Each structure stands twice: as structure tokens, then as C-alpha cells.
Amino acid sequence: MDHPISRCLHRALTGMALAAGILAVPAYASDAYPSKPIRIVVGFAPGGGADIVARQIGTQLSKQMGQSVVVENRPGATGTLAATNVAQAAGDGYSMMLASQSTMVIAPSMYGKLQYDPIRDFLPVTQLVSMPLVMVVTPSVPATTLREVMDLARAGKLANFASSGAGGPQHIAGELFNKMAGIRLTHVPYKGESAALTDVMAGNVQVAFANVPVAAPFIRSGKLRAIAVSSLARAQTLPQVPTVSESGLRDFEVLTWYGLFLPASAPKPIARRISDEVSAALNTPDVRGKFQEQGLTIVGTNPDQFGQFMTAEVPRWAAIVKSANIQPE
């Protein structure tokens, strides 16, 4: 006999089973992930700091996760083209972006309208590394100290500085240097650090701020001369190079960081899975050794920690942009 209580119990149990199945989907998806190649979109040209980090971490993730991790370079507009691409991508965990503060916190402070919101449209996964910049000059410039660089600029014998692009940390560092030193070097933006440093080495531009991992080989070979690093402490890979702060511009500090982001619609369990895999990758002797050798400080935060960091970074960099009166170009 089909008793009413039995029918109610059957419906209740069926509903519970369906609910359990629905709730289990994200965890299952995370366990099955990845089932196809993953792309890491980088908003800067090959050979720059972001590209180097993306390729090294991508190679290790491929080994750990059993799927190809492909780096896709989409340079231009301070990384905002890449950010727009990933923000509009499917939230399935197979498209993520390696970005720096230039794309995620500086650009929103400089440009009135972007096609993405760095907080609303992205799911922070992990902050990978941070690193200082180094001021370099072409060897023909008769300066070996920051004071001599400032004196040449004041005498009109230095005219410009190169960066990897408008709105990047390298640009910010140059403008902050102008402001704190009371000088006026004209900004010359390039599409990537490699292009910028190539012109500095050729003598077409005289000064540049660049990420330590990118500039260090040229410094060691004598093709560039290091003047000062932008961190408050000296860089481990360039211990003989003083800081800007100790060289006379007290408390000068500009660091670059790189992190991974998914589209906001991506499942949080997948973000945690990627974060865990990245943490494991950062602790492998190969990756850790390469990053430390290049002067990178390994961070490796989880999604919650990185989200909190992002919330604090936006107003901090907005204040720097306003203080140095940095305008879009």
C-alpha cells in the first residue's frame, strides 16, 4: 500500500539526495580538474619579468597536474588587454592570468574606465612572488651613484627614462624618483622590459627602472650599470648595489609582485586546488632555487589571504599615483 507517510519520506530522501549531489559538484569538479590544457595569460611581452615567472611556474605545474600549462602573451595597455580577455573567459578554471599590480591596482587608479573591475571580475588565487626594481644606466653615462645621476639630470645632461609601459611599477618608480629628487626625466614607455633595456643598452634612452631578474644578466655582463635598487633592503642577487633609500631618497620603495587570478565565476574549490599546487611548486628545489637566484621573494598566499592583500593594495597605490601626479599617456 502506498502510504502518504511513505510518499513524503520518499520525496524528502530524494530531495536530500539531489541537494547532496548539487553540493558535491564543486568538490568533484576540483578532484577531476584538470582534464585538459590550462592557459596562463600574461599581459606583457615575452622575456619580461611576468613572462619569466609564468613560464617557470607553468612548467612545474604541468609536471604536478599532468596537463599542459600554456603561457599566452597578450601584451599592451599595461596588461589590461589580457585582463579583459580573462575576465570574459569561461569560469571553468582553464583560463587564468598572471598579473602584477600595474594591471590590477595601478591601472584602475590611472584610467577612468576599464572593461573590467579588478575586485568584482576576478577570483584571486595566490600571490606568487615579489621583487625589487633596479635603476640602470647605459654604460656611457658618467655616473655610478644615485647622487651623480641626480646631478646630471639637474645639469640637463640626462633627459629621459625608459619603462616597460605606462602605468607599470617601472613607470611609477621613475615618476616617484622625479618627484623625490626634484628633477624632470621624460618617460619613454616601451612594450615590455626587453625592448626598454635593449634601447638603454644602445644608448637611445639613458636610464631605466627594471625588474631585477630581467636586468641582472645585463648588469653582470657589463651591458648595463646598476645604480640602486628600489627596495628598502638590498637585493640578495645584487648585494653590492645600494638602495635608493640609503643613497639619499629616504623611504623610497617600489616593489613588483605577481599573482594568479581566475575569472570571478570560477569555482572556489578549483582556486584552492591551484593555490595548493602553486604552493607545492614554489617549494620544489628547482623553482625555489631559480626564483631565489633571480632575486625573487617567494610568497605563496592562499586565495583568502591574496584577496585581503588586494583589498589593501588598491588604495595604497592610488595614493602613490596621486602623490606623484602620474597621468595617463
Protein backbone atom coordinates (compact mmCIF):
# COMPACT_ATOMS: atom_id res chain seq x y z
CA MET A 1 0.00 0.00 0.00
CA ASP A 2 1.29 3.44 -0.96
CA HIS A 3 1.02 5.16 2.43
CA PRO A 4 1.09 9.01 2.49
CA ILE A 5 3.88 8.95 5.07
CA SER A 6 5.93 6.69 2.80
CA ARG A 7 5.41 9.06 -0.14
CA CYS A 8 6.50 12.05 1.98
CA LEU A 9 9.54 10.19 3.24
CA HIS A 10 10.47 9.17 -0.32
CA ARG A 11 10.20 12.77 -1.56
CA ALA A 12 12.25 14.04 1.37
CA LEU A 13 15.01 11.48 0.84
CA THR A 14 15.03 12.17 -2.91
CA GLY A 15 15.34 15.91 -2.26
CA MET A 16 18.18 15.34 0.19
CA ALA A 17 19.99 13.15 -2.32
CA LEU A 18 19.63 15.76 -5.07
CA ALA A 19 20.83 18.51 -2.74
CA ALA A 20 23.80 16.42 -1.71
CA GLY A 21 24.63 15.83 -5.36
CA ILE A 22 24.43 19.53 -6.15
CA LEU A 23 26.59 20.44 -3.18
CA ALA A 24 29.12 17.81 -4.15
CA VAL A 25 29.62 19.18 -7.67
CA PRO A 26 32.32 21.76 -6.83
CA ALA A 27 34.37 19.27 -4.84
CA TYR A 28 34.01 16.67 -7.62
CA ALA A 29 34.96 19.24 -10.23
CA SER A 30 38.04 20.10 -8.20
CA ASP A 31 39.01 16.43 -7.90
CA ALA A 32 38.60 15.88 -11.66
CA TYR A 33 40.43 19.09 -12.54
CA PRO A 34 42.34 19.47 -14.79
CA SER A 35 41.12 17.33 -17.66
CA LYS A 36 42.56 19.48 -20.47
CA PRO A 37 45.36 22.04 -21.00
CA ILE A 38 45.37 25.22 -18.91
CA ARG A 39 46.38 28.62 -20.24
CA ILE A 40 48.09 31.34 -18.25
CA VAL A 41 47.54 34.69 -19.94
CA VAL A 42 50.35 37.22 -19.41
CA GLY A 43 49.73 40.86 -20.28
CA PHE A 44 53.36 41.58 -21.09
CA ALA A 45 55.81 40.65 -23.83
CA PRO A 46 57.99 37.52 -23.79
CA GLY A 47 61.26 37.93 -21.92
CA GLY A 48 59.93 40.28 -19.24
CA GLY A 49 59.61 39.57 -15.53
CA ALA A 50 55.99 38.40 -15.72
CA ASP A 51 56.75 36.08 -18.63
CA ILE A 52 59.75 34.54 -16.85
CA VAL A 53 57.74 33.80 -13.71
CA ALA A 54 54.76 32.44 -15.67
CA ARG A 55 56.89 30.02 -17.69
CA GLN A 56 58.83 28.72 -14.72
CA ILE A 57 55.76 28.15 -12.56
CA GLY A 58 53.81 26.80 -15.56
CA THR A 59 56.46 24.17 -16.30
CA GLN A 60 56.32 22.87 -12.73
CA LEU A 61 52.52 22.90 -12.62
CA SER A 62 52.46 20.82 -15.82
CA LYS A 63 54.59 18.18 -14.11
CA GLN A 64 52.45 18.14 -10.98
CA MET A 65 49.00 18.28 -12.55
CA GLY A 66 49.57 16.05 -15.56
CA GLN A 67 48.31 18.59 -18.09
CA SER A 68 49.99 21.14 -20.33
CA VAL A 69 50.12 24.66 -18.93
CA VAL A 70 50.48 27.06 -21.85
CA VAL A 71 51.66 30.65 -21.43
CA GLU A 72 49.84 33.05 -23.77
CA ASN A 73 51.31 36.54 -24.11
CA ARG A 74 48.81 39.36 -24.78
CA PRO A 75 50.94 42.49 -24.30
CA GLY A 76 49.66 46.04 -24.40
CA ALA A 77 47.88 48.72 -22.38
CA THR A 78 49.62 47.86 -19.09
CA GLY A 79 48.24 44.35 -19.13
CA THR A 80 44.63 45.50 -19.35
CA LEU A 81 44.08 43.70 -22.68
CA ALA A 82 44.99 40.41 -21.02
CA ALA A 83 42.83 41.22 -18.01
CA THR A 84 39.81 41.91 -20.20
CA ASN A 85 40.36 38.62 -22.03
CA VAL A 86 40.47 36.56 -18.83
CA ALA A 87 37.63 38.45 -17.13
CA GLN A 88 35.41 37.48 -20.07
CA ALA A 89 36.64 33.87 -20.28
CA ALA A 90 34.67 30.85 -19.11
CA GLY A 91 34.93 30.32 -15.36
CA ASP A 92 35.97 26.70 -15.69
CA GLY A 93 39.48 27.04 -14.31
CA TYR A 94 41.22 26.62 -17.67
CA SER A 95 41.94 30.32 -18.24
CA MET A 96 43.84 32.28 -15.63
CA MET A 97 46.00 35.36 -15.63
CA LEU A 98 49.40 36.09 -14.18
CA ALA A 99 49.28 39.80 -13.37
CA SER A 100 51.12 42.45 -11.42
CA GLN A 101 49.89 45.48 -9.53
CA SER A 102 50.23 47.54 -12.71
CA THR A 103 47.20 45.76 -14.18
CA MET A 104 45.18 45.06 -11.06
CA VAL A 105 45.66 48.10 -8.81
CA ILE A 106 47.54 50.87 -10.65
CA ALA A 107 45.54 50.93 -13.90
CA PRO A 108 42.22 51.44 -12.06
CA SER A 109 43.78 54.47 -10.34
CA MET A 110 45.07 55.98 -13.59
CA TYR A 111 42.35 55.26 -16.11
CA GLY A 112 38.79 56.38 -15.63
CA LYS A 113 37.14 53.48 -17.42
CA LEU A 114 38.30 49.89 -17.88
CA GLN A 115 36.45 46.91 -19.31
CA TYR A 116 36.95 45.03 -16.05
CA ASP A 117 36.82 45.61 -12.32
CA PRO A 118 39.86 44.09 -10.56
CA ILE A 119 37.86 43.13 -7.48
CA ARG A 120 34.44 42.23 -8.93
CA ASP A 121 35.56 40.38 -12.07
CA PHE A 122 38.37 38.21 -10.69
CA LEU A 123 38.90 35.48 -8.13
CA PRO A 124 42.34 35.89 -6.51
CA VAL A 125 44.22 32.58 -6.39
CA THR A 126 47.68 33.25 -4.98
CA GLN A 127 50.38 35.88 -4.80
CA LEU A 128 53.45 34.15 -6.20
CA VAL A 129 56.43 36.42 -5.65
CA SER A 130 57.57 39.97 -5.05
CA MET A 131 60.78 41.65 -6.18
CA PRO A 132 62.57 44.99 -6.25
CA LEU A 133 63.35 47.06 -9.29
CA VAL A 134 66.84 48.27 -10.14
CA MET A 135 67.76 51.59 -11.68
CA VAL A 136 70.19 51.05 -14.54
CA VAL A 137 72.00 53.37 -16.93
CA THR A 138 73.72 52.86 -20.24
CA PRO A 139 77.48 52.44 -19.58
CA SER A 140 78.31 55.67 -21.43
CA VAL A 141 76.51 57.71 -18.73
CA PRO A 142 79.23 59.13 -16.42
CA ALA A 143 77.51 58.13 -13.19
CA THR A 144 77.99 55.29 -10.72
CA THR A 145 75.86 56.61 -7.84
CA LEU A 146 72.34 57.92 -7.43
CA ARG A 147 73.69 61.31 -6.42
CA GLU A 148 75.64 61.54 -9.68
CA VAL A 149 72.54 60.58 -11.68
CA MET A 150 70.57 63.36 -9.97
CA ASP A 151 73.36 65.88 -10.56
CA LEU A 152 73.49 65.00 -14.28
CA ALA A 153 69.71 65.36 -14.54
CA ARG A 154 69.79 68.76 -12.83
CA ALA A 155 72.54 69.86 -15.21
CA GLY A 156 70.42 68.86 -18.20
CA LYS A 157 72.75 66.00 -19.18
CA LEU A 158 70.16 63.28 -18.65
CA ALA A 159 66.85 63.69 -20.44
CA ASN A 160 64.72 60.57 -20.17
CA PHE A 161 63.98 57.22 -18.57
CA ALA A 162 62.56 54.03 -20.07
CA SER A 163 59.96 51.68 -18.67
CA SER A 164 58.15 48.53 -19.76
CA GLY A 165 54.97 50.55 -20.31
CA ALA A 166 52.82 53.36 -18.97
CA GLY A 167 51.33 52.65 -15.56
CA GLY A 168 53.66 49.82 -14.61
CA PRO A 169 55.77 49.74 -11.42
CA GLN A 170 58.79 50.77 -13.52
CA HIS A 171 56.93 53.88 -14.69
CA ILE A 172 55.73 54.61 -11.15
CA ALA A 173 59.28 54.24 -9.81
CA GLY A 174 60.62 56.70 -12.38
CA GLU A 175 57.97 59.31 -11.65
CA LEU A 176 58.40 58.87 -7.90
CA PHE A 177 62.15 59.33 -8.40
CA ASN A 178 61.45 62.54 -10.36
CA LYS A 179 59.26 63.87 -7.56
CA MET A 180 61.51 62.96 -4.63
CA ALA A 181 64.71 64.08 -6.38
CA GLY A 182 63.21 67.31 -7.71
CA ILE A 183 64.21 66.54 -11.30
CA ARG A 184 62.40 66.03 -14.62
CA LEU A 185 63.31 62.97 -16.68
CA THR A 186 60.83 62.37 -19.50
CA HIS A 187 59.13 58.99 -19.50
CA VAL A 188 59.64 56.80 -22.60
CA PRO A 189 57.30 53.77 -22.47
CA TYR A 190 58.01 50.52 -24.31
CA LYS A 191 56.07 47.31 -24.90
CA GLY A 192 57.93 45.19 -22.39
CA GLU A 193 61.15 45.33 -20.40
CA SER A 194 63.26 43.57 -23.03
CA ALA A 195 62.53 46.31 -25.57
CA ALA A 196 63.17 49.04 -22.99
CA LEU A 197 66.51 47.62 -21.88
CA THR A 198 67.62 47.00 -25.47
CA ASP A 199 67.26 50.72 -26.16
CA VAL A 200 69.05 51.64 -22.93
CA MET A 201 71.96 49.37 -23.85
CA ALA A 202 72.04 51.00 -27.29
CA GLY A 203 72.18 54.45 -25.67
CA ASN A 204 68.90 55.62 -27.19
CA VAL A 205 67.49 56.12 -23.68
CA GLN A 206 69.77 56.78 -20.74
CA VAL A 207 68.06 55.46 -17.61
CA ALA A 208 65.54 52.75 -16.76
CA PHE A 209 63.90 51.02 -13.83
CA ALA A 210 63.59 47.28 -14.47
CA ASN A 211 62.79 44.13 -12.55
CA VAL A 212 65.94 42.64 -11.05
CA PRO A 213 65.58 39.20 -12.74
CA VAL A 214 65.42 40.83 -16.18
CA ALA A 215 68.23 43.35 -15.68
CA ALA A 216 70.67 41.24 -13.63
CA PRO A 217 72.24 39.30 -16.56
CA PHE A 218 72.96 42.54 -18.42
CA ILE A 219 74.41 44.11 -15.28
CA ARG A 220 76.74 41.14 -14.76
CA SER A 221 77.84 41.22 -18.41
CA GLY A 222 78.62 44.95 -18.21
CA LYS A 223 76.00 45.95 -20.77
CA LEU A 224 74.15 47.94 -18.10
CA ARG A 225 75.35 49.68 -14.95
CA ALA A 226 73.30 49.27 -11.78
CA ILE A 227 72.78 52.43 -9.73
CA ALA A 228 70.33 51.50 -6.95
CA VAL A 229 67.53 49.08 -6.08
CA SER A 230 64.01 50.17 -5.19
CA SER A 231 63.50 48.04 -2.05
CA LEU A 232 64.31 49.19 1.48
CA ALA A 233 66.81 46.32 1.84
CA ARG A 234 69.48 45.39 -0.68
CA ALA A 235 68.66 42.66 -3.20
CA GLN A 236 70.25 39.29 -2.45
CA THR A 237 71.28 38.85 -6.07
CA LEU A 238 72.85 42.34 -6.27
CA PRO A 239 74.24 42.83 -2.74
CA GLN A 240 76.82 45.37 -3.91
CA VAL A 241 74.10 47.70 -5.24
CA PRO A 242 72.77 50.20 -2.66
CA THR A 243 69.11 51.04 -2.20
CA VAL A 244 67.59 54.30 -3.41
CA SER A 245 66.65 54.99 0.21
CA GLU A 246 70.18 54.63 1.56
CA SER A 247 71.50 56.64 -1.38
CA GLY A 248 69.67 59.77 -0.31
CA LEU A 249 65.94 59.46 -1.09
CA ARG A 250 64.78 58.22 2.28
CA ASP A 251 61.92 55.66 2.38
CA PHE A 252 61.78 55.31 -1.41
CA GLU A 253 60.21 51.90 -2.08
CA VAL A 254 58.55 50.40 -5.14
CA LEU A 255 58.20 46.63 -5.43
CA THR A 256 56.71 44.45 -8.15
CA TRP A 257 54.52 41.47 -7.30
CA TYR A 258 52.96 38.78 -9.45
CA GLY A 259 49.83 36.79 -8.71
CA LEU A 260 47.41 34.39 -10.36
CA PHE A 261 43.75 35.26 -10.97
CA LEU A 262 40.76 33.31 -12.29
CA PRO A 263 37.53 34.77 -13.69
CA ALA A 264 35.16 35.59 -10.82
CA SER A 265 32.76 32.82 -11.88
CA ALA A 266 35.34 30.06 -11.38
CA PRO A 267 34.57 27.56 -8.57
CA LYS A 268 36.38 28.34 -5.34
CA PRO A 269 37.48 24.70 -4.89
CA ILE A 270 39.40 24.98 -8.16
CA ALA A 271 41.04 28.21 -6.95
CA ARG A 272 42.10 26.38 -3.79
CA ARG A 273 43.38 23.44 -5.83
CA ILE A 274 45.52 25.73 -7.99
CA SER A 275 46.75 27.60 -4.90
CA ASP A 276 47.77 24.32 -3.26
CA GLU A 277 49.55 23.17 -6.41
CA VAL A 278 51.38 26.51 -6.71
CA SER A 279 52.43 26.31 -3.06
CA ALA A 280 53.88 22.86 -3.71
CA ALA A 281 55.60 24.13 -6.87
CA LEU A 282 57.16 27.08 -5.03
CA ASN A 283 58.64 24.65 -2.52
CA THR A 284 60.32 22.41 -5.08
CA PRO A 285 64.12 22.81 -5.09
CA ASP A 286 64.09 23.66 -8.81
CA VAL A 287 61.56 26.50 -8.70
CA ARG A 288 62.68 27.83 -5.32
CA GLY A 289 66.30 27.81 -6.43
CA LYS A 290 65.59 29.58 -9.73
CA PHE A 291 63.40 32.24 -8.15
CA GLN A 292 65.85 32.97 -5.33
CA GLU A 293 68.72 33.08 -7.82
CA GLN A 294 66.80 35.72 -9.76
CA GLY A 295 66.19 37.84 -6.67
CA LEU A 296 62.52 36.97 -6.21
CA THR A 297 60.94 36.75 -2.76
CA ILE A 298 58.60 33.74 -2.66
CA VAL A 299 55.18 34.50 -1.15
CA GLY A 300 52.62 31.77 -1.96
CA THR A 301 49.45 33.01 -0.23
CA ASN A 302 46.10 31.21 -0.30
CA PRO A 303 43.01 32.73 -2.03
CA ASP A 304 41.64 34.35 1.14
CA GLN A 305 44.99 35.93 2.04
CA PHE A 306 45.52 37.18 -1.51
CA GLY A 307 42.01 38.65 -1.59
CA GLN A 308 42.70 40.60 1.61
CA PHE A 309 46.03 41.77 0.19
CA MET A 310 44.31 43.01 -2.99
CA THR A 311 41.74 44.97 -1.00
CA ALA A 312 44.58 46.82 0.78
CA GLU A 313 46.72 47.34 -2.34
CA VAL A 314 44.20 49.38 -4.34
CA PRO A 315 44.08 52.42 -2.00
CA ARG A 316 47.84 52.23 -1.30
CA TRP A 317 48.79 52.55 -4.96
CA ALA A 318 46.07 55.10 -5.62
CA ALA A 319 47.78 57.31 -3.03
CA ILE A 320 51.19 56.86 -4.73
CA VAL A 321 49.75 57.71 -8.16
CA LYS A 322 48.10 60.84 -6.77
CA SER A 323 51.17 61.91 -4.78
CA ALA A 324 53.48 61.64 -7.80
CA ASN A 325 50.84 63.24 -10.07
CA ILE A 326 51.11 60.39 -12.58
CA GLN A 327 48.85 60.91 -15.58
CA PRO A 328 47.71 58.50 -18.33
CA GLU A 329 49.78 58.72 -21.51
